[in-house]
Amino acid sequence: MSVTAVGTTVVCAVDALLPERGVAALLGDVQIALFRTHDGEVFAIGNQDPFSGANVMSRGIVGSRGDVPTVASPMFKQVFDLRTGACLDDADVSLPVYPVEIVDGQVVVGT
């Protein structure tokens, strides 16, 4: 998996993201899901559940498997690594991930 940022978008203030809750956002025509964990890290993944095709990942259940921050799809409960987008239940499936920076209190996401 590789991530290449070709542009960035200021999405929201980091304080607008509640810990352990997801928020959907648009980057152009692409839906993403943003998550802020209890330790303050912010992750951006694709919002489309690859198993159902529904844009619902922002409504997923945030948790962890060991040291891996995760989100479980609200549809069929497959679990994804928030850092890499890899599905922990099916190695052949993954979500796109987007680089995130916090700049002056704002969430900046690369595309």
Protein backbone atom coordinates (compact mmCIF):
# COMPACT_ATOMS: atom_id res chain seq x y z
CA MET A 1 0.00 0.00 0.00
CA SER A 2 1.29 3.43 -0.86
CA VAL A 3 -0.14 6.87 -0.35
CA THR A 4 0.81 9.79 -2.56
CA ALA A 5 -0.50 13.23 -1.75
CA VAL A 6 -1.08 15.34 -4.87
CA GLY A 7 -3.07 18.03 -3.10
CA THR A 8 -4.44 18.88 0.30
CA THR A 9 -7.78 20.05 1.62
CA VAL A 10 -8.61 21.66 4.95
CA VAL A 11 -11.59 19.62 6.10
CA CYS A 12 -12.51 20.89 9.57
CA ALA A 13 -11.19 21.97 12.94
CA VAL A 14 -9.69 19.07 14.86
CA ASP A 15 -11.92 20.01 17.82
CA ALA A 16 -14.98 19.29 15.65
CA LEU A 17 -14.02 15.59 15.66
CA LEU A 18 -15.27 13.79 18.76
CA PRO A 19 -12.98 11.01 20.00
CA GLU A 20 -13.96 7.53 18.83
CA ARG A 21 -16.64 8.89 16.46
CA GLY A 22 -16.55 9.10 12.68
CA VAL A 23 -17.45 12.00 10.42
CA ALA A 24 -18.04 11.89 6.66
CA ALA A 25 -16.54 14.55 4.40
CA LEU A 26 -16.15 15.21 0.70
CA LEU A 27 -12.80 15.68 -1.02
CA GLY A 28 -14.00 16.80 -4.41
CA ASP A 29 -16.17 13.87 -5.52
CA VAL A 30 -14.64 11.39 -3.06
CA GLN A 31 -16.34 10.54 0.22
CA ILE A 32 -13.97 9.98 3.13
CA ALA A 33 -14.47 9.03 6.76
CA LEU A 34 -12.48 10.87 9.44
CA PHE A 35 -11.79 9.41 12.87
CA ARG A 36 -10.11 10.88 15.94
CA THR A 37 -8.97 8.33 18.49
CA HIS A 38 -8.73 8.84 22.26
CA ASP A 39 -4.99 9.47 21.96
CA GLY A 40 -5.67 12.36 19.55
CA GLU A 41 -4.59 10.71 16.29
CA VAL A 42 -6.72 11.49 13.25
CA PHE A 43 -7.23 9.03 10.40
CA ALA A 44 -8.89 9.36 7.00
CA ILE A 45 -10.18 6.36 5.04
CA GLY A 46 -12.61 5.83 2.20
CA ASN A 47 -16.21 6.05 3.32
CA GLN A 48 -17.50 3.28 1.03
CA ASP A 49 -17.82 -0.15 2.63
CA PRO A 50 -16.23 -2.52 0.09
CA PHE A 51 -18.51 -5.40 1.11
CA SER A 52 -21.89 -3.65 0.79
CA GLY A 53 -21.03 -0.69 -1.44
CA ALA A 54 -22.77 1.69 0.98
CA ASN A 55 -21.07 4.92 2.05
CA VAL A 56 -21.25 4.17 5.76
CA MET A 57 -17.73 3.69 7.16
CA SER A 58 -17.96 6.99 9.04
CA ARG A 59 -20.72 5.33 11.10
CA GLY A 60 -18.49 2.38 11.99
CA ILE A 61 -17.53 1.20 15.45
CA VAL A 62 -14.08 2.46 16.48
CA GLY A 63 -11.93 0.12 18.52
CA SER A 64 -8.64 -1.75 18.40
CA ARG A 65 -7.12 -5.16 17.91
CA GLY A 66 -4.04 -5.20 20.08
CA ASP A 67 -2.18 -2.00 19.21
CA VAL A 68 -4.01 -1.55 15.89
CA PRO A 69 -6.63 1.23 15.77
CA THR A 70 -9.66 -0.10 13.92
CA VAL A 71 -13.12 0.62 12.63
CA ALA A 72 -15.78 -2.06 12.12
CA SER A 73 -18.19 -1.62 9.26
CA PRO A 74 -21.71 -0.89 10.49
CA MET A 75 -23.08 -3.15 7.74
CA PHE A 76 -21.49 -6.59 8.10
CA LYS A 77 -18.96 -5.82 10.89
CA GLN A 78 -15.70 -6.47 8.98
CA VAL A 79 -12.84 -4.73 10.79
CA PHE A 80 -10.36 -2.38 9.09
CA ASP A 81 -6.99 -1.01 10.22
CA LEU A 82 -7.37 2.79 10.38
CA ARG A 83 -3.66 3.25 9.59
CA THR A 84 -3.47 1.14 6.44
CA GLY A 85 -7.07 0.49 5.37
CA ALA A 86 -6.41 -3.27 5.38
CA CYS A 87 -9.35 -5.48 6.26
CA LEU A 88 -8.34 -7.63 9.23
CA ASP A 89 -11.00 -10.20 8.37
CA ASP A 90 -10.24 -10.60 4.64
CA ALA A 91 -6.67 -9.98 3.42
CA ASP A 92 -7.88 -9.41 -0.16
CA VAL A 93 -9.93 -6.32 0.74
CA SER A 94 -8.87 -2.84 1.82
CA LEU A 95 -10.08 0.74 2.03
CA PRO A 96 -8.22 3.71 0.56
CA VAL A 97 -6.34 5.76 3.14
CA TYR A 98 -5.49 9.43 2.97
CA PRO A 99 -2.63 11.27 4.69
CA VAL A 100 -3.74 13.55 7.54
CA GLU A 101 -1.95 16.45 9.19
CA ILE A 102 -3.11 18.83 11.90
CA VAL A 103 -2.05 22.36 10.95
CA ASP A 104 -2.95 25.25 13.27
CA GLY A 105 -5.80 23.21 14.76
CA GLN A 106 -7.22 22.28 11.33
CA VAL A 107 -7.47 18.78 9.84
CA VAL A 108 -5.69 18.79 6.48
CA VAL A 109 -6.22 15.72 4.30
CA GLY A 110 -4.12 14.81 1.25
CA THR A 111 -5.72 13.50 -1.92
